[in-house]
């Protein structure tokens, strides 16, 4: 009955769940969430509470408060079976502008499947410098490496370089079956 949605991302080992800004939850809702999590073999569930939600009820059910920004503000689903022209048409005006500008300025994207430790460290440093400047939390390097180690050939690291070959930004993706999940990204002043 609650208008919130539980979304699960399945892995070979279980699933990770999120529930973004649900309506106010009561004990009955939390019992149902617990039932669904068991059915989905959830290893982890992140619930972003509504502004007026009393967090005390969650403590009764064993939930722990976290400031770790796991759940993005929205989920974007892109059908990659569409043609290049159809995908381009689906982009927002600002998205098309950004892509055209990057092309004009000679930016180049390079993707690495199952990236090396050195590539992951480069990416981590890119994230770290940005997070320190903007004052937000990033997971430690070991977290990124363990995800890469679990997903192996289904982990992808993308780097963007400017026209002079300087690293400008990067994104880390995990794939499973027919899904590619954007995990996180980072950029520097060049980006």
N, C-alpha and C. Protein backbone atom coordinates (compact mmCIF):
# COMPACT_ATOMS: atom_id res chain seq x y z
N UNK A 1 0.82 -1.20 0.00
CA UNK A 1 0.00 0.00 0.00
C UNK A 1 0.87 1.26 0.00
N UNK A 2 2.05 1.14 0.54
CA UNK A 2 2.97 2.27 0.57
C UNK A 2 3.44 2.53 -0.85
N UNK A 3 3.52 3.79 -1.25
CA UNK A 3 3.86 4.11 -2.64
C UNK A 3 5.35 3.97 -2.94
N UNK A 4 6.16 3.64 -1.94
CA UNK A 4 7.59 3.48 -2.17
C UNK A 4 7.85 2.17 -2.90
N UNK A 5 9.00 2.09 -3.52
CA UNK A 5 9.35 0.91 -4.29
C UNK A 5 10.68 0.37 -3.80
N UNK A 6 10.73 -0.92 -3.58
CA UNK A 6 11.98 -1.60 -3.26
C UNK A 6 12.57 -2.06 -4.58
N UNK A 7 13.82 -1.70 -4.81
CA UNK A 7 14.51 -2.11 -6.03
C UNK A 7 15.70 -2.96 -5.62
N UNK A 8 15.86 -4.11 -6.26
CA UNK A 8 16.96 -5.00 -5.94
C UNK A 8 17.86 -5.18 -7.16
N UNK A 9 19.16 -5.15 -6.92
CA UNK A 9 20.15 -5.40 -7.94
C UNK A 9 20.75 -6.77 -7.62
N UNK A 10 20.50 -7.72 -8.51
CA UNK A 10 20.91 -9.09 -8.25
C UNK A 10 22.36 -9.32 -8.64
N UNK A 11 23.06 -10.12 -7.83
CA UNK A 11 24.42 -10.56 -8.12
C UNK A 11 24.43 -12.08 -7.95
N UNK A 12 25.49 -12.74 -8.33
CA UNK A 12 25.55 -14.18 -8.12
C UNK A 12 25.51 -14.58 -6.63
N UNK A 13 25.80 -13.64 -5.74
CA UNK A 13 25.91 -13.93 -4.31
C UNK A 13 24.68 -13.52 -3.50
N UNK A 14 23.75 -12.86 -4.10
CA UNK A 14 22.59 -12.32 -3.41
C UNK A 14 22.21 -11.02 -4.10
N UNK A 15 21.50 -10.15 -3.39
CA UNK A 15 21.12 -8.89 -4.02
C UNK A 15 21.37 -7.72 -3.09
N UNK A 16 21.40 -6.53 -3.69
CA UNK A 16 21.53 -5.28 -2.96
C UNK A 16 20.24 -4.52 -3.22
N UNK A 17 19.66 -3.96 -2.16
CA UNK A 17 18.38 -3.29 -2.33
C UNK A 17 18.42 -1.83 -1.93
N UNK A 18 17.47 -1.09 -2.48
CA UNK A 18 17.32 0.31 -2.10
C UNK A 18 15.84 0.66 -2.07
N UNK A 19 15.52 1.61 -1.23
CA UNK A 19 14.17 2.12 -1.12
C UNK A 19 14.32 3.62 -0.89
N UNK A 20 13.98 4.41 -1.89
CA UNK A 20 14.24 5.84 -1.83
C UNK A 20 13.04 6.63 -1.34
N UNK A 21 13.25 7.39 -0.29
CA UNK A 21 12.27 8.33 0.26
C UNK A 21 10.84 7.79 0.25
N UNK A 22 10.60 6.67 0.96
CA UNK A 22 9.24 6.12 1.01
C UNK A 22 8.33 7.01 1.85
N UNK A 23 7.03 6.76 1.71
CA UNK A 23 6.08 7.40 2.63
C UNK A 23 6.46 6.97 4.04
N UNK A 24 5.86 7.58 5.03
CA UNK A 24 6.17 7.21 6.42
C UNK A 24 5.92 5.72 6.62
N UNK A 25 6.91 5.04 7.18
CA UNK A 25 6.83 3.60 7.37
C UNK A 25 6.51 3.26 8.82
N UNK A 26 5.70 2.21 9.01
CA UNK A 26 5.37 1.71 10.33
C UNK A 26 5.89 0.30 10.51
N UNK A 27 5.60 -0.29 11.65
CA UNK A 27 6.08 -1.63 11.95
C UNK A 27 5.59 -2.66 10.92
N UNK A 28 4.34 -2.52 10.50
CA UNK A 28 3.78 -3.45 9.51
C UNK A 28 4.58 -3.37 8.20
N UNK A 29 4.92 -2.14 7.79
CA UNK A 29 5.71 -1.95 6.56
C UNK A 29 7.09 -2.59 6.70
N UNK A 30 7.72 -2.42 7.85
CA UNK A 30 9.07 -2.96 8.06
C UNK A 30 9.06 -4.49 8.09
N UNK A 31 7.99 -5.08 8.62
CA UNK A 31 7.86 -6.55 8.59
C UNK A 31 7.75 -7.04 7.15
N UNK A 32 6.99 -6.31 6.32
CA UNK A 32 6.85 -6.68 4.90
C UNK A 32 8.18 -6.50 4.17
N UNK A 33 8.89 -5.43 4.46
CA UNK A 33 10.21 -5.21 3.85
C UNK A 33 11.14 -6.34 4.22
N UNK A 34 11.11 -6.76 5.49
CA UNK A 34 11.95 -7.86 5.95
C UNK A 34 11.62 -9.15 5.18
N UNK A 35 10.33 -9.42 4.98
CA UNK A 35 9.91 -10.61 4.24
C UNK A 35 10.43 -10.58 2.80
N UNK A 36 10.29 -9.43 2.14
CA UNK A 36 10.74 -9.30 0.75
C UNK A 36 12.26 -9.44 0.66
N UNK A 37 12.98 -8.84 1.61
CA UNK A 37 14.44 -8.94 1.60
C UNK A 37 14.91 -10.39 1.73
N UNK A 38 14.23 -11.15 2.57
CA UNK A 38 14.59 -12.57 2.71
C UNK A 38 14.33 -13.32 1.41
N UNK A 39 13.21 -13.02 0.78
CA UNK A 39 12.87 -13.66 -0.49
C UNK A 39 13.89 -13.32 -1.58
N UNK A 40 14.36 -12.07 -1.59
CA UNK A 40 15.32 -11.62 -2.61
C UNK A 40 16.77 -11.92 -2.24
N UNK A 41 16.98 -12.60 -1.09
CA UNK A 41 18.34 -12.90 -0.62
C UNK A 41 19.18 -11.62 -0.52
N UNK A 42 18.60 -10.59 0.07
CA UNK A 42 19.27 -9.29 0.16
C UNK A 42 20.44 -9.35 1.12
N UNK A 43 21.61 -8.96 0.62
CA UNK A 43 22.80 -8.84 1.46
C UNK A 43 22.81 -7.50 2.18
N UNK A 44 22.13 -6.54 1.58
CA UNK A 44 22.20 -5.16 2.06
C UNK A 44 20.96 -4.42 1.56
N UNK A 45 20.39 -3.58 2.40
CA UNK A 45 19.26 -2.75 2.00
C UNK A 45 19.51 -1.34 2.49
N UNK A 46 19.41 -0.38 1.60
CA UNK A 46 19.57 1.04 1.94
C UNK A 46 18.19 1.68 1.82
N UNK A 47 17.73 2.30 2.92
CA UNK A 47 16.46 3.01 2.90
C UNK A 47 16.76 4.48 3.16
N UNK A 48 16.42 5.33 2.19
CA UNK A 48 16.54 6.76 2.39
C UNK A 48 15.20 7.24 2.95
N UNK A 49 15.21 7.69 4.17
CA UNK A 49 13.98 8.04 4.86
C UNK A 49 13.34 9.31 4.34
N UNK A 50 12.01 9.35 4.45
CA UNK A 50 11.27 10.58 4.18
C UNK A 50 11.66 11.60 5.25
N UNK A 51 11.52 12.85 4.95
CA UNK A 51 11.94 13.92 5.86
C UNK A 51 11.29 13.82 7.24
N UNK A 52 9.99 13.46 7.29
CA UNK A 52 9.26 13.43 8.55
C UNK A 52 9.30 12.08 9.26
N UNK A 53 10.02 11.13 8.70
CA UNK A 53 10.07 9.78 9.28
C UNK A 53 10.82 9.78 10.61
N UNK A 54 10.25 9.12 11.60
CA UNK A 54 10.92 8.95 12.88
C UNK A 54 11.86 7.75 12.75
N UNK A 55 13.18 7.95 12.89
CA UNK A 55 14.12 6.85 12.68
C UNK A 55 14.14 5.81 13.81
N UNK A 56 13.54 6.12 14.96
CA UNK A 56 13.59 5.21 16.11
C UNK A 56 12.99 3.83 15.80
N UNK A 57 11.93 3.81 14.99
CA UNK A 57 11.28 2.54 14.67
C UNK A 57 12.24 1.60 13.92
N UNK A 58 13.17 2.17 13.17
CA UNK A 58 14.13 1.35 12.41
C UNK A 58 15.12 0.66 13.33
N UNK A 59 15.48 1.34 14.42
CA UNK A 59 16.40 0.74 15.39
C UNK A 59 15.80 -0.53 16.00
N UNK A 60 14.49 -0.53 16.22
CA UNK A 60 13.80 -1.71 16.77
C UNK A 60 13.95 -2.92 15.85
N UNK A 61 14.08 -2.66 14.55
CA UNK A 61 14.18 -3.74 13.57
C UNK A 61 15.63 -4.03 13.17
N UNK A 62 16.58 -3.43 13.89
CA UNK A 62 17.99 -3.73 13.65
C UNK A 62 18.66 -2.89 12.58
N UNK A 63 18.00 -1.86 12.08
CA UNK A 63 18.62 -0.98 11.08
C UNK A 63 19.64 -0.08 11.75
N UNK A 64 20.66 0.31 11.02
CA UNK A 64 21.72 1.16 11.52
C UNK A 64 21.77 2.42 10.67
N UNK A 65 21.88 3.58 11.31
CA UNK A 65 21.97 4.84 10.56
C UNK A 65 23.28 4.89 9.79
N UNK A 66 23.21 5.43 8.59
CA UNK A 66 24.39 5.52 7.73
C UNK A 66 24.38 6.84 6.99
N UNK A 67 25.57 7.41 6.82
CA UNK A 67 25.69 8.62 6.01
C UNK A 67 26.32 8.29 4.66
N UNK A 68 26.50 7.00 4.41
CA UNK A 68 27.09 6.54 3.16
C UNK A 68 26.10 6.75 2.02
N UNK A 69 26.44 7.55 1.02
CA UNK A 69 25.50 7.86 -0.07
C UNK A 69 25.44 6.75 -1.11
N UNK A 70 24.72 5.69 -0.79
CA UNK A 70 24.64 4.55 -1.70
C UNK A 70 23.60 4.75 -2.79
N UNK A 71 22.42 5.16 -2.42
CA UNK A 71 21.33 5.26 -3.38
C UNK A 71 21.36 6.59 -4.12
N UNK A 72 21.41 6.56 -5.45
CA UNK A 72 21.35 7.80 -6.21
C UNK A 72 19.96 8.40 -6.11
N UNK A 73 19.79 9.68 -6.46
CA UNK A 73 18.49 10.31 -6.34
C UNK A 73 17.46 9.74 -7.32
N UNK A 74 17.89 9.07 -8.36
CA UNK A 74 16.96 8.46 -9.29
C UNK A 74 17.66 7.34 -10.05
N UNK A 75 16.86 6.51 -10.68
CA UNK A 75 17.39 5.44 -11.49
C UNK A 75 17.09 5.76 -12.94
N UNK A 76 18.09 5.69 -13.76
CA UNK A 76 17.95 5.97 -15.18
C UNK A 76 18.09 4.65 -15.92
N UNK A 77 17.12 4.32 -16.72
CA UNK A 77 17.17 3.10 -17.50
C UNK A 77 17.32 3.48 -18.97
N UNK A 78 18.37 2.96 -19.59
CA UNK A 78 18.64 3.25 -20.99
C UNK A 78 18.59 1.93 -21.77
N UNK A 79 17.75 1.88 -22.79
CA UNK A 79 17.63 0.70 -23.63
C UNK A 79 18.71 0.75 -24.70
N UNK A 80 19.79 0.01 -24.48
CA UNK A 80 20.92 0.05 -25.41
C UNK A 80 20.69 -0.78 -26.67
N UNK A 81 19.50 -1.35 -26.81
CA UNK A 81 19.19 -2.06 -28.06
C UNK A 81 18.68 -1.08 -29.12
N UNK A 82 18.43 0.17 -28.73
CA UNK A 82 17.97 1.18 -29.69
C UNK A 82 19.10 1.56 -30.64
N UNK A 83 18.73 2.15 -31.76
CA UNK A 83 19.73 2.61 -32.72
C UNK A 83 20.48 3.81 -32.14
N UNK A 84 21.62 4.11 -32.73
CA UNK A 84 22.42 5.26 -32.31
C UNK A 84 21.60 6.55 -32.42
N UNK A 85 20.86 6.70 -33.52
CA UNK A 85 20.04 7.90 -33.71
C UNK A 85 18.93 8.01 -32.66
N UNK A 86 18.33 6.88 -32.32
CA UNK A 86 17.26 6.89 -31.31
C UNK A 86 17.83 7.24 -29.93
N UNK A 87 19.00 6.69 -29.60
CA UNK A 87 19.63 7.02 -28.32
C UNK A 87 19.98 8.50 -28.26
N UNK A 88 20.51 9.03 -29.37
CA UNK A 88 20.87 10.45 -29.44
C UNK A 88 19.62 11.32 -29.24
N UNK A 89 18.53 10.92 -29.86
CA UNK A 89 17.28 11.66 -29.72
C UNK A 89 16.72 11.63 -28.30
N UNK A 90 17.05 10.59 -27.55
CA UNK A 90 16.57 10.48 -26.17
C UNK A 90 17.36 11.36 -25.20
N UNK A 91 18.53 11.82 -25.62
CA UNK A 91 19.35 12.67 -24.73
C UNK A 91 18.68 14.03 -24.52
N UNK A 92 18.89 14.60 -23.35
CA UNK A 92 18.38 15.95 -23.09
C UNK A 92 19.17 16.95 -23.93
N UNK A 93 18.65 18.14 -24.06
CA UNK A 93 19.33 19.19 -24.82
C UNK A 93 20.72 19.45 -24.24
N UNK A 94 20.82 19.51 -22.91
CA UNK A 94 22.13 19.77 -22.30
C UNK A 94 23.07 18.58 -22.48
N UNK A 95 22.52 17.36 -22.50
CA UNK A 95 23.34 16.17 -22.75
C UNK A 95 23.93 16.18 -24.15
N UNK A 96 23.11 16.54 -25.15
CA UNK A 96 23.61 16.63 -26.54
C UNK A 96 24.67 17.73 -26.66
N UNK A 97 24.42 18.86 -25.97
CA UNK A 97 25.38 19.97 -26.01
C UNK A 97 26.72 19.51 -25.43
N UNK A 98 26.68 18.83 -24.28
CA UNK A 98 27.91 18.37 -23.64
C UNK A 98 28.68 17.40 -24.53
N UNK A 99 27.96 16.48 -25.19
CA UNK A 99 28.61 15.52 -26.08
C UNK A 99 29.23 16.21 -27.29
N UNK A 100 28.50 17.16 -27.88
CA UNK A 100 29.04 17.90 -29.04
C UNK A 100 30.26 18.72 -28.64
N UNK A 101 30.19 19.35 -27.48
CA UNK A 101 31.32 20.17 -27.02
C UNK A 101 32.56 19.30 -26.78
N UNK A 102 32.37 18.15 -26.13
CA UNK A 102 33.49 17.24 -25.89
C UNK A 102 34.10 16.79 -27.22
N UNK A 103 33.24 16.52 -28.20
CA UNK A 103 33.72 16.11 -29.52
C UNK A 103 34.51 17.24 -30.20
N UNK A 104 33.96 18.47 -30.13
CA UNK A 104 34.65 19.64 -30.71
C UNK A 104 36.02 19.86 -30.08
N UNK A 105 36.08 19.64 -28.77
CA UNK A 105 37.32 19.89 -28.04
C UNK A 105 38.29 18.70 -28.09
N UNK A 106 37.91 17.64 -28.80
CA UNK A 106 38.82 16.51 -29.01
C UNK A 106 38.92 15.55 -27.85
N UNK A 107 37.90 15.49 -27.00
CA UNK A 107 37.92 14.55 -25.87
C UNK A 107 37.84 13.12 -26.40
N UNK A 108 38.46 12.21 -25.67
CA UNK A 108 38.46 10.80 -26.07
C UNK A 108 38.10 9.94 -24.87
N UNK A 109 37.22 8.96 -25.08
CA UNK A 109 36.83 8.01 -24.03
C UNK A 109 37.53 6.69 -24.28
N UNK A 110 38.06 6.11 -23.20
CA UNK A 110 38.73 4.81 -23.27
C UNK A 110 38.15 3.93 -22.17
N UNK A 111 37.70 2.73 -22.55
CA UNK A 111 37.11 1.81 -21.57
C UNK A 111 38.01 0.61 -21.35
N UNK A 112 38.07 0.18 -20.10
CA UNK A 112 38.89 -0.97 -19.71
C UNK A 112 37.98 -2.00 -19.06
N UNK A 113 37.99 -3.20 -19.64
CA UNK A 113 37.23 -4.31 -19.05
C UNK A 113 38.12 -4.98 -18.01
N UNK A 114 37.55 -5.28 -16.83
CA UNK A 114 38.30 -5.88 -15.73
C UNK A 114 39.61 -5.10 -15.52
N UNK A 115 39.50 -3.82 -15.14
CA UNK A 115 40.67 -2.95 -15.06
C UNK A 115 41.75 -3.45 -14.09
N UNK A 116 42.98 -3.07 -14.38
CA UNK A 116 44.12 -3.46 -13.54
C UNK A 116 44.10 -2.68 -12.22
N UNK A 117 44.90 -3.13 -11.27
CA UNK A 117 45.02 -2.41 -9.99
C UNK A 117 45.50 -0.98 -10.25
N UNK A 118 46.44 -0.81 -11.15
CA UNK A 118 46.98 0.53 -11.45
C UNK A 118 45.88 1.44 -12.01
N UNK A 119 45.08 0.93 -12.92
CA UNK A 119 43.97 1.73 -13.47
C UNK A 119 42.95 2.09 -12.39
N UNK A 120 42.66 1.14 -11.50
CA UNK A 120 41.73 1.40 -10.40
C UNK A 120 42.30 2.44 -9.44
N UNK A 121 43.59 2.39 -9.18
CA UNK A 121 44.23 3.37 -8.30
C UNK A 121 44.18 4.77 -8.92
N UNK A 122 44.40 4.85 -10.23
CA UNK A 122 44.30 6.14 -10.93
C UNK A 122 42.89 6.69 -10.78
N UNK A 123 41.92 5.84 -10.98
CA UNK A 123 40.52 6.25 -10.85
C UNK A 123 40.21 6.69 -9.43
N UNK A 124 40.69 5.93 -8.45
CA UNK A 124 40.45 6.26 -7.05
C UNK A 124 41.03 7.64 -6.71
N UNK A 125 42.24 7.91 -7.17
CA UNK A 125 42.86 9.21 -6.91
C UNK A 125 42.05 10.34 -7.55
N UNK A 126 41.49 10.08 -8.71
CA UNK A 126 40.63 11.05 -9.39
C UNK A 126 39.40 11.35 -8.52
N UNK A 127 38.79 10.31 -8.02
CA UNK A 127 37.64 10.47 -7.13
C UNK A 127 38.02 11.18 -5.83
N UNK A 128 39.14 10.76 -5.27
CA UNK A 128 39.58 11.27 -3.97
C UNK A 128 39.83 12.77 -4.01
N UNK A 129 40.50 13.24 -5.06
CA UNK A 129 40.79 14.68 -5.14
C UNK A 129 39.50 15.49 -5.25
N UNK A 130 38.54 14.97 -5.98
CA UNK A 130 37.26 15.67 -6.14
C UNK A 130 36.46 15.63 -4.84
N UNK A 131 36.47 14.49 -4.16
CA UNK A 131 35.68 14.37 -2.93
C UNK A 131 36.24 15.27 -1.83
N UNK A 132 37.56 15.42 -1.79
CA UNK A 132 38.14 16.29 -0.77
C UNK A 132 37.78 17.75 -1.04
N UNK A 133 37.77 18.12 -2.31
CA UNK A 133 37.44 19.50 -2.66
C UNK A 133 35.96 19.80 -2.40
N UNK A 134 35.08 18.86 -2.77
CA UNK A 134 33.64 19.07 -2.63
C UNK A 134 33.09 18.57 -1.29
N UNK A 135 33.96 17.95 -0.48
CA UNK A 135 33.60 17.47 0.86
C UNK A 135 32.47 16.43 0.85
N UNK A 136 32.69 15.35 0.09
CA UNK A 136 31.76 14.23 0.15
C UNK A 136 32.55 12.94 0.32
N UNK A 137 31.86 11.93 0.83
CA UNK A 137 32.48 10.66 1.16
C UNK A 137 32.62 9.78 -0.08
N UNK A 138 33.75 9.08 -0.18
CA UNK A 138 33.89 8.01 -1.18
C UNK A 138 34.33 6.75 -0.45
N UNK A 139 33.96 5.63 -1.01
CA UNK A 139 34.36 4.35 -0.44
C UNK A 139 35.87 4.17 -0.60
N UNK A 140 36.51 3.42 0.27
CA UNK A 140 37.95 3.20 0.15
C UNK A 140 38.31 2.41 -1.10
N UNK A 141 39.57 2.50 -1.49
CA UNK A 141 40.07 1.80 -2.67
C UNK A 141 39.78 0.30 -2.58
N UNK A 142 39.95 -0.28 -1.40
CA UNK A 142 39.70 -1.73 -1.25
C UNK A 142 38.28 -2.11 -1.63
N UNK A 143 37.32 -1.21 -1.39
CA UNK A 143 35.94 -1.47 -1.77
C UNK A 143 35.82 -1.57 -3.29
N UNK A 144 36.43 -0.62 -4.00
CA UNK A 144 36.40 -0.66 -5.47
C UNK A 144 37.08 -1.92 -5.99
N UNK A 145 38.24 -2.24 -5.42
CA UNK A 145 38.99 -3.42 -5.87
C UNK A 145 38.20 -4.70 -5.62
N UNK A 146 37.52 -4.79 -4.48
CA UNK A 146 36.75 -6.01 -4.21
C UNK A 146 35.57 -6.14 -5.16
N UNK A 147 34.95 -5.04 -5.52
CA UNK A 147 33.85 -5.10 -6.50
C UNK A 147 34.38 -5.55 -7.86
N UNK A 148 35.50 -4.99 -8.25
CA UNK A 148 36.13 -5.40 -9.51
C UNK A 148 36.48 -6.88 -9.46
N UNK A 149 37.01 -7.35 -8.33
CA UNK A 149 37.40 -8.75 -8.21
C UNK A 149 36.20 -9.69 -8.27
N UNK A 150 35.07 -9.26 -7.74
CA UNK A 150 33.85 -10.08 -7.76
C UNK A 150 33.27 -10.14 -9.18
N UNK A 151 33.20 -8.99 -9.84
CA UNK A 151 32.55 -8.93 -11.16
C UNK A 151 33.50 -9.23 -12.32
N UNK A 152 34.79 -9.22 -12.08
CA UNK A 152 35.83 -9.56 -13.05
C UNK A 152 35.56 -8.98 -14.45
N UNK A 153 35.27 -9.85 -15.41
CA UNK A 153 35.06 -9.42 -16.80
C UNK A 153 33.81 -8.57 -16.99
N UNK A 154 32.99 -8.49 -15.97
CA UNK A 154 31.80 -7.65 -16.02
C UNK A 154 31.97 -6.35 -15.25
N UNK A 155 33.23 -5.96 -15.04
CA UNK A 155 33.51 -4.64 -14.46
C UNK A 155 34.19 -3.81 -15.54
N UNK A 156 33.81 -2.53 -15.60
CA UNK A 156 34.30 -1.65 -16.65
C UNK A 156 34.69 -0.31 -16.05
N UNK A 157 35.83 0.19 -16.47
CA UNK A 157 36.29 1.49 -16.03
C UNK A 157 36.48 2.35 -17.27
N UNK A 158 35.79 3.48 -17.29
CA UNK A 158 35.90 4.40 -18.42
C UNK A 158 36.65 5.65 -18.01
N UNK A 159 37.62 6.05 -18.83
CA UNK A 159 38.35 7.29 -18.62
C UNK A 159 38.07 8.24 -19.77
N UNK A 160 38.03 9.52 -19.50
CA UNK A 160 37.91 10.55 -20.54
C UNK A 160 39.17 11.40 -20.48
N UNK A 161 39.76 11.60 -21.65
CA UNK A 161 40.98 12.39 -21.78
C UNK A 161 40.68 13.61 -22.64
N UNK A 162 41.34 14.73 -22.34
CA UNK A 162 41.17 15.92 -23.18
C UNK A 162 42.02 15.77 -24.43
N UNK A 163 42.00 16.78 -25.31
CA UNK A 163 42.71 16.70 -26.59
C UNK A 163 44.22 16.59 -26.45
N UNK A 164 44.74 16.96 -25.28
CA UNK A 164 46.19 16.84 -25.06
C UNK A 164 46.57 15.57 -24.31
N UNK A 165 45.59 14.69 -24.07
CA UNK A 165 45.87 13.42 -23.42
C UNK A 165 45.84 13.46 -21.90
N UNK A 166 45.39 14.58 -21.33
CA UNK A 166 45.30 14.68 -19.86
C UNK A 166 43.99 14.05 -19.39
N UNK A 167 44.08 13.28 -18.31
CA UNK A 167 42.91 12.65 -17.74
C UNK A 167 41.94 13.71 -17.22
N UNK A 168 40.67 13.61 -17.62
CA UNK A 168 39.67 14.59 -17.22
C UNK A 168 38.60 14.01 -16.30
N UNK A 169 38.29 12.72 -16.46
CA UNK A 169 37.24 12.13 -15.64
C UNK A 169 37.16 10.63 -15.84
N UNK A 170 36.32 10.00 -15.05
CA UNK A 170 36.16 8.56 -15.16
C UNK A 170 34.88 8.09 -14.53
N UNK A 171 34.44 6.89 -14.91
CA UNK A 171 33.26 6.26 -14.34
C UNK A 171 33.53 4.76 -14.23
N UNK A 172 32.94 4.16 -13.19
CA UNK A 172 33.10 2.74 -12.95
C UNK A 172 31.74 2.07 -13.05
N UNK A 173 31.65 1.00 -13.81
CA UNK A 173 30.40 0.28 -14.07
C UNK A 173 30.56 -1.20 -13.70
N UNK A 174 29.45 -1.79 -13.29
CA UNK A 174 29.40 -3.23 -13.07
C UNK A 174 28.29 -3.79 -13.94
N UNK A 175 28.51 -4.94 -14.51
CA UNK A 175 27.50 -5.57 -15.35
C UNK A 175 27.07 -6.89 -14.78
N UNK A 176 25.80 -7.21 -15.00
CA UNK A 176 25.28 -8.51 -14.60
C UNK A 176 24.13 -8.86 -15.53
N UNK A 177 24.22 -10.02 -16.17
CA UNK A 177 23.26 -10.46 -17.16
C UNK A 177 23.07 -9.36 -18.19
N UNK A 178 21.87 -8.78 -18.31
CA UNK A 178 21.64 -7.78 -19.35
C UNK A 178 21.62 -6.36 -18.78
N UNK A 179 22.27 -6.16 -17.65
CA UNK A 179 22.27 -4.84 -17.01
C UNK A 179 23.69 -4.30 -16.88
N UNK A 180 23.82 -3.01 -16.98
CA UNK A 180 25.07 -2.32 -16.64
C UNK A 180 24.71 -1.30 -15.58
N UNK A 181 25.32 -1.40 -14.43
CA UNK A 181 25.00 -0.52 -13.32
C UNK A 181 26.12 0.50 -13.15
N UNK A 182 25.78 1.78 -13.25
CA UNK A 182 26.75 2.84 -13.00
C UNK A 182 26.98 2.89 -11.51
N UNK A 183 28.21 2.73 -11.10
CA UNK A 183 28.51 2.70 -9.68
C UNK A 183 28.87 4.10 -9.18
N UNK A 184 29.88 4.70 -9.76
CA UNK A 184 30.24 6.05 -9.36
C UNK A 184 31.19 6.66 -10.38
N UNK A 185 31.45 7.94 -10.22
CA UNK A 185 32.31 8.66 -11.16
C UNK A 185 33.12 9.73 -10.46
N UNK A 186 34.01 10.32 -11.20
CA UNK A 186 34.82 11.40 -10.66
C UNK A 186 35.45 12.19 -11.79
N UNK A 187 35.80 13.42 -11.49
CA UNK A 187 36.48 14.25 -12.48
C UNK A 187 37.42 15.20 -11.76
N UNK A 188 38.33 15.77 -12.53
CA UNK A 188 39.25 16.76 -11.96
C UNK A 188 38.98 18.12 -12.59
N UNK A 189 39.87 19.07 -12.38
CA UNK A 189 39.67 20.42 -12.93
C UNK A 189 39.65 20.43 -14.46
N UNK A 190 40.41 19.53 -15.08
CA UNK A 190 40.41 19.43 -16.54
C UNK A 190 39.00 19.06 -17.02
N UNK A 191 38.35 18.13 -16.30
CA UNK A 191 37.01 17.68 -16.65
C UNK A 191 35.99 18.78 -16.48
